[in-house]
Amino acid sequence: MPELPEVETVVQSLRGIFEKNSIKKISYLRKDLRFPIPQKKINKILLKQEKIRSDRRGKYIVLKTEKGSVLIHLGMSGQMILAQKSEPLAKHTHVILSLSGDMKGDQELRYIDPRRFGLFEATEGPDWSSHVLLCKLGFEPLETKNLGKKLWEASQKKSTSIKNFIMNSHVVVGVGNIYACEALYQSKIHPLALCKDLSLEQYKTLAKKIGVVLRKAIKAGGTTLKDFRSLKNEKGYFQVKLEVYGREGDPCFVCDEPIERFQQNGRSTWVCCSCQPL
């Protein structure tokens, strides 16, 4: 599933595109994804608008105009691809945003989603953050000041593990399984440690490492384990820099002890039990 770095990679590319382009036509090749697509609302908000701003909230792409906002989620396997109109459509292309502007050729943004777990939603007016899909999201890890202290305060009455705590989008957004494993490893915190038992200093370290891991992943274009591609249909390359995720049996880069893997709430977790004692 595309996480915060992958979505941010797409958003940054969209900003460059919409600096010189508007949307002249939207083609819907199906009526629904995870939910029905509100075509009339989307058309009203996006079509022929001179200024389209691309932002991110959690794992949602937010396209904003004077008339409202369109929310796009990539789901489990979704992609946004920039393509020439003459190029054959990829299988499972569901929405096409035709562009007009200074770009050479006749280009369009294509939304591709084999599993159809993604979505297109729309909200009219300026108050996009109150949308039901966004209003309960947690802290933005790259923008929230004193994140460590705020996470520590939020954890005090929780009995869940620290990994599950930081992967909860109602607490902090965008820290998926890959980035949770990496940040906890760099913080020397065991994923099964109870979140309420960690000190304020441990949370400050963890918040810092979450930021470091996410920024490195964004710089590398995200992580491609299976489906994710950038707007230019390129893979992300952060996977070549992973220190613990997916390295079961390999030596720890710090102590040479083998990395271990176990199941935690239905997901694989990787840990160095020497560097991250429980």
Protein backbone atom coordinates (compact mmCIF):
# COMPACT_ATOMS: atom_id res chain seq x y z
CA MET A 1 0.00 0.00 0.00
CA PRO A 2 1.38 3.46 -0.85
CA GLU A 3 2.24 5.27 2.38
CA LEU A 4 3.11 8.89 3.17
CA PRO A 5 6.43 9.03 1.23
CA GLU A 6 4.88 7.49 -1.87
CA VAL A 7 1.89 9.83 -1.78
CA GLU A 8 4.14 12.84 -1.10
CA THR A 9 6.24 11.87 -4.14
CA VAL A 10 3.11 11.99 -6.31
CA VAL A 11 1.91 15.27 -4.75
CA GLN A 12 5.22 17.01 -5.38
CA SER A 13 5.08 15.99 -9.04
CA LEU A 14 1.48 17.17 -9.34
CA ARG A 15 2.47 20.60 -8.03
CA GLY A 16 4.87 21.02 -10.93
CA ILE A 17 2.25 19.91 -13.44
CA PHE A 18 -0.49 22.21 -12.18
CA GLU A 19 1.81 25.23 -12.17
CA LYS A 20 1.42 25.31 -15.95
CA ASN A 21 -1.67 23.22 -16.62
CA SER A 22 -5.38 23.12 -15.99
CA ILE A 23 -7.76 20.20 -16.45
CA LYS A 24 -9.81 20.49 -19.63
CA LYS A 25 -11.65 17.17 -19.48
CA ILE A 26 -12.26 14.31 -17.07
CA SER A 27 -13.12 10.84 -18.36
CA TYR A 28 -14.58 8.26 -15.99
CA LEU A 29 -14.18 4.69 -17.20
CA ARG A 30 -16.23 3.31 -14.30
CA LYS A 31 -18.75 4.75 -11.87
CA ASP A 32 -17.20 3.56 -8.63
CA LEU A 33 -14.02 2.49 -6.87
CA ARG A 34 -14.22 1.79 -3.13
CA PHE A 35 -17.18 4.19 -3.15
CA PRO A 36 -19.25 5.75 -5.97
CA ILE A 37 -17.34 8.52 -7.74
CA PRO A 38 -19.15 11.90 -7.37
CA GLN A 39 -18.55 12.89 -10.98
CA LYS A 40 -20.63 16.07 -11.07
CA LYS A 41 -18.97 17.47 -7.95
CA ILE A 42 -15.49 16.65 -9.20
CA ASN A 43 -16.20 18.25 -12.59
CA LYS A 44 -17.51 21.39 -10.93
CA ILE A 45 -14.44 21.70 -8.69
CA LEU A 46 -11.66 20.85 -11.16
CA LEU A 47 -12.68 21.55 -14.74
CA LYS A 48 -11.14 24.65 -16.36
CA GLN A 49 -9.90 26.08 -13.06
CA GLU A 50 -6.84 28.29 -13.54
CA LYS A 51 -5.28 27.46 -10.18
CA ILE A 52 -5.17 23.90 -8.87
CA ARG A 53 -3.16 23.33 -5.71
CA SER A 54 -1.90 19.86 -4.87
CA ASP A 55 -1.50 18.97 -1.19
CA ARG A 56 -1.41 15.90 1.02
CA ARG A 57 -3.26 15.01 4.23
CA GLY A 58 -2.17 11.67 5.58
CA LYS A 59 -2.25 9.33 2.59
CA TYR A 60 -4.80 11.44 0.69
CA ILE A 61 -3.93 13.55 -2.33
CA VAL A 62 -5.93 16.79 -2.09
CA LEU A 63 -6.54 18.86 -5.24
CA LYS A 64 -7.83 22.31 -4.24
CA THR A 65 -9.47 25.05 -6.29
CA GLU A 66 -11.60 28.08 -5.46
CA LYS A 67 -14.69 25.87 -5.70
CA GLY A 68 -13.63 23.09 -3.36
CA SER A 69 -11.35 20.06 -3.03
CA VAL A 70 -11.06 16.62 -4.57
CA LEU A 71 -9.63 13.82 -2.43
CA ILE A 72 -7.78 10.96 -4.09
CA HIS A 73 -6.61 7.82 -2.29
CA LEU A 74 -4.39 5.25 -4.00
CA GLY A 75 -5.75 2.37 -1.97
CA MET A 76 -3.71 -0.84 -1.99
CA SER A 77 -2.38 -0.71 -5.54
CA GLY A 78 -3.35 2.62 -7.10
CA GLN A 79 -1.11 4.73 -9.32
CA MET A 80 -1.27 8.18 -10.90
CA ILE A 81 0.61 8.12 -14.21
CA LEU A 82 1.43 11.01 -16.54
CA ALA A 83 1.03 9.80 -20.14
CA GLN A 84 0.62 10.98 -23.71
CA LYS A 85 -2.93 10.71 -25.01
CA SER A 86 -1.62 8.53 -27.85
CA GLU A 87 -0.21 5.91 -25.46
CA PRO A 88 -2.35 2.77 -24.98
CA LEU A 89 -4.36 2.71 -21.78
CA ALA A 90 -3.04 0.39 -19.11
CA LYS A 91 -5.42 -2.24 -17.82
CA HIS A 92 -7.48 -1.03 -14.84
CA THR A 93 -7.33 2.65 -15.84
CA HIS A 94 -10.42 4.17 -14.22
CA VAL A 95 -10.14 7.99 -14.38
CA ILE A 96 -8.36 10.23 -16.91
CA LEU A 97 -7.62 13.93 -16.30
CA SER A 98 -6.84 15.57 -19.65
CA LEU A 99 -4.45 18.52 -19.32
CA SER A 100 -4.21 21.83 -21.12
CA GLY A 101 -1.33 24.24 -20.74
CA ASP A 102 2.34 24.72 -21.55
CA MET A 103 3.38 21.08 -21.68
CA LYS A 104 4.55 19.74 -25.02
CA GLY A 105 2.19 17.22 -26.57
CA ASP A 106 -1.23 16.13 -25.43
CA GLN A 107 -0.77 14.79 -21.93
CA GLU A 108 -3.11 13.39 -19.32
CA LEU A 109 -3.07 12.05 -15.78
CA ARG A 110 -4.34 8.49 -15.54
CA TYR A 111 -5.56 6.86 -12.35
CA ILE A 112 -4.90 3.11 -12.38
CA ASP A 113 -6.11 0.78 -9.63
CA PRO A 114 -6.29 -3.01 -10.18
CA ARG A 115 -7.91 -3.76 -6.81
CA ARG A 116 -10.20 -0.71 -6.78
CA PHE A 117 -9.58 0.01 -3.09
CA GLY A 118 -8.75 3.63 -3.88
CA LEU A 119 -11.24 6.48 -4.08
CA PHE A 120 -12.17 9.84 -5.56
CA GLU A 121 -14.19 12.10 -3.26
CA ALA A 122 -15.15 15.77 -3.39
CA THR A 123 -16.11 18.51 -0.99
CA GLU A 124 -17.34 21.93 -2.07
CA GLY A 125 -16.24 25.12 -0.33
CA PRO A 126 -13.03 26.01 1.51
CA ASP A 127 -13.35 23.76 4.59
CA TRP A 128 -11.80 20.61 3.15
CA SER A 129 -10.23 19.49 6.43
CA SER A 130 -13.64 18.79 8.01
CA HIS A 131 -14.45 16.09 5.45
CA VAL A 132 -15.43 12.83 7.18
CA LEU A 133 -12.38 11.06 5.72
CA LEU A 134 -9.95 13.66 7.08
CA CYS A 135 -11.36 15.15 10.27
CA LYS A 136 -10.21 12.33 12.58
CA LEU A 137 -6.69 11.93 11.20
CA GLY A 138 -3.80 12.30 13.62
CA PHE A 139 -0.62 14.36 13.64
CA GLU A 140 1.34 15.01 10.45
CA PRO A 141 4.80 13.61 11.35
CA LEU A 142 6.76 16.02 9.15
CA GLU A 143 4.89 19.17 10.13
CA THR A 144 3.90 18.84 13.79
CA LYS A 145 6.06 20.74 16.28
CA ASN A 146 7.03 18.88 19.46
CA LEU A 147 5.74 15.63 17.96
CA GLY A 148 7.59 13.51 20.50
CA LYS A 149 5.94 15.24 23.44
CA LYS A 150 2.51 15.06 21.83
CA LEU A 151 2.88 11.34 21.11
CA TRP A 152 4.03 10.76 24.68
CA GLU A 153 1.00 12.64 26.04
CA ALA A 154 -1.37 10.67 23.77
CA SER A 155 0.14 7.34 24.85
CA GLN A 156 -0.28 7.65 28.61
CA LYS A 157 -3.55 5.74 28.90
CA LYS A 158 -2.93 3.33 26.04
CA SER A 159 -2.04 -0.33 26.51
CA THR A 160 -1.16 -1.12 22.90
CA SER A 161 2.30 -1.83 21.54
CA ILE A 162 4.39 1.09 20.35
CA LYS A 163 4.40 -0.20 16.77
CA ASN A 164 0.61 -0.39 16.64
CA PHE A 165 0.40 3.01 18.33
CA ILE A 166 2.48 4.84 15.71
CA MET A 167 0.73 2.98 12.87
CA ASN A 168 -2.67 4.21 14.05
CA SER A 169 -3.71 6.98 11.64
CA HIS A 170 -5.86 8.55 14.39
CA VAL A 171 -2.63 9.13 16.33
CA VAL A 172 -0.09 9.97 13.61
CA VAL A 173 -0.54 9.62 9.87
CA GLY A 174 1.54 7.92 7.22
CA VAL A 175 3.74 5.65 9.35
CA GLY A 176 3.11 2.35 7.60
CA ASN A 177 4.67 -1.01 8.40
CA ILE A 178 7.94 -0.36 6.56
CA TYR A 179 8.56 3.02 8.15
CA ALA A 180 7.44 1.92 11.62
CA CYS A 181 9.93 -0.97 11.61
CA GLU A 182 12.72 1.29 10.36
CA ALA A 183 12.05 4.13 12.83
CA LEU A 184 11.79 1.78 15.82
CA TYR A 185 15.04 0.06 14.83
CA GLN A 186 16.86 3.38 14.58
CA SER A 187 15.37 4.42 17.95
CA LYS A 188 16.43 1.13 19.61
CA ILE A 189 12.84 0.47 20.70
CA HIS A 190 11.32 -3.00 20.52
CA PRO A 191 8.07 -3.03 18.48
CA LEU A 192 6.24 -4.96 21.24
CA ALA A 193 7.08 -2.46 24.00
CA LEU A 194 3.93 -0.95 25.49
CA CYS A 195 3.53 2.62 24.33
CA LYS A 196 2.57 3.86 27.81
CA ASP A 197 5.83 2.53 29.26
CA LEU A 198 8.16 4.57 27.06
CA SER A 199 9.74 7.74 28.42
CA LEU A 200 9.38 11.23 27.04
CA GLU A 201 13.00 11.07 25.84
CA GLN A 202 12.31 7.84 23.97
CA TYR A 203 9.35 9.49 22.25
CA LYS A 204 11.46 12.48 21.29
CA THR A 205 14.03 10.14 19.74
CA LEU A 206 11.31 8.14 17.98
CA ALA A 207 9.65 11.26 16.56
CA LYS A 208 13.01 12.42 15.22
CA LYS A 209 13.71 9.04 13.61
CA ILE A 210 10.24 8.89 12.06
CA GLY A 211 11.01 12.20 10.38
CA VAL A 212 14.45 11.04 9.24
CA VAL A 213 13.09 7.82 7.74
CA LEU A 214 10.16 9.50 5.99
CA ARG A 215 12.30 12.30 4.52
CA LYS A 216 14.88 9.82 3.22
CA ALA A 217 12.09 7.78 1.64
CA ILE A 218 10.60 10.85 -0.03
CA LYS A 219 14.01 11.81 -1.38
CA ALA A 220 14.40 8.29 -2.80
CA GLY A 221 10.97 8.46 -4.47
CA GLY A 222 9.23 6.17 -1.98
CA THR A 223 9.45 2.41 -1.62
CA THR A 224 8.38 0.00 -4.36
CA LEU A 225 7.81 -3.51 -3.04
CA LYS A 226 5.20 -4.46 -5.64
CA ASP A 227 2.83 -1.93 -7.21
CA PHE A 228 3.90 1.63 -6.46
CA ARG A 229 5.12 3.85 -9.30
CA SER A 230 5.74 7.59 -9.43
CA LEU A 231 3.93 9.94 -11.76
CA LYS A 232 6.59 9.17 -14.38
CA ASN A 233 5.96 5.42 -13.92
CA GLU A 234 9.26 5.05 -12.04
CA LYS A 235 9.86 2.78 -9.06
CA GLY A 236 10.80 4.18 -5.67
CA TYR A 237 14.26 3.22 -4.49
CA PHE A 238 14.11 3.54 -0.70
CA GLN A 239 13.90 -0.27 -0.46
CA VAL A 240 17.62 -0.48 -1.22
CA LYS A 241 18.28 1.59 1.94
CA LEU A 242 16.15 -0.44 4.36
CA GLU A 243 18.07 -1.38 7.50
CA VAL A 244 15.71 -3.91 9.09
CA TYR A 245 12.49 -4.38 7.08
CA GLY A 246 12.61 -7.54 4.94
CA ARG A 247 16.08 -8.56 6.21
CA GLU A 248 15.20 -11.68 8.23
CA GLY A 249 18.36 -13.67 8.96
CA ASP A 250 20.68 -10.96 7.66
CA PRO A 251 23.20 -9.43 10.08
CA CYS A 252 22.29 -6.22 11.87
CA PHE A 253 24.29 -3.30 10.51
CA VAL A 254 25.18 -2.29 14.09
CA CYS A 255 25.87 -5.49 16.03
CA ASP A 256 25.97 -8.29 13.40
CA GLU A 257 23.28 -10.28 15.20
CA PRO A 258 20.67 -11.76 12.81
CA ILE A 259 17.51 -9.77 12.15
CA GLU A 260 14.40 -11.60 13.34
CA ARG A 261 10.86 -11.54 11.97
CA PHE A 262 7.57 -12.28 13.75
CA GLN A 263 3.87 -11.70 13.23
CA GLN A 264 2.31 -8.75 15.02
CA ASN A 265 -1.39 -8.02 14.54
CA GLY A 266 -1.44 -9.72 11.15
CA ARG A 267 1.69 -7.99 9.84
CA SER A 268 5.31 -9.07 9.70
CA THR A 269 7.62 -7.19 12.05
CA TRP A 270 11.41 -7.12 11.77
CA VAL A 271 13.63 -6.45 14.76
CA CYS A 272 17.18 -6.74 16.07
CA CYS A 273 16.62 -8.17 19.56
CA SER A 274 20.16 -7.16 20.56
CA CYS A 275 19.80 -3.48 19.61
CA GLN A 276 16.10 -3.34 20.49
CA PRO A 277 15.78 -5.29 23.75
CA LEU A 278 12.28 -5.79 25.11
